[in-house]
């Protein structure tokens, strides 16, 4: 009887607390538009030619359990695009990213005692691991006439070295 109740309580606590781990913020600085699909939002690392309209300042962070620097960067870029899309922005002007450094610790404890002729002892180990997160900032923008996307650079075939002469 206790086990199903404990599982239900754990599920409820996780359902309430996990959404609170989201690290997104918006500061509206312009006029929001109707939401669009995040796949329509382009990321710019320099201001697009032809001008743009600023909609909002955005901040976000990678997930607490996102490992690998490239995965963290992919995560924050995707979150910036999602937040911009909610505001109807068709672009994000990437401002920058930085890492935080988590703290890790290990604690060991032991105890013992005697009560009424009966002795007892106990021990325990606790581990706390806080992986690093990546934080990113961007500006949600609306670009009236977005420039065409540049094609991905083509991979040129590597030249084959000439065969070595045999003696």
Foldseek 3Di string as FASTA:
>chain_A
DVVVVVVVVVVVVCVVCVVVQWFKDKDFDDAFDAADDLVQEEEAQDAFPPDWAFTIKMKGKAGFPQDDPVSQVVRRVSVQSRVLRNRVFRYKHWDDKDKDADDKDKDKDKDKDDDPNDIDIDIDMDIDDGHMMMMTIITRIHDPDGDDDDDDDDDDDDDDDDDDDDD
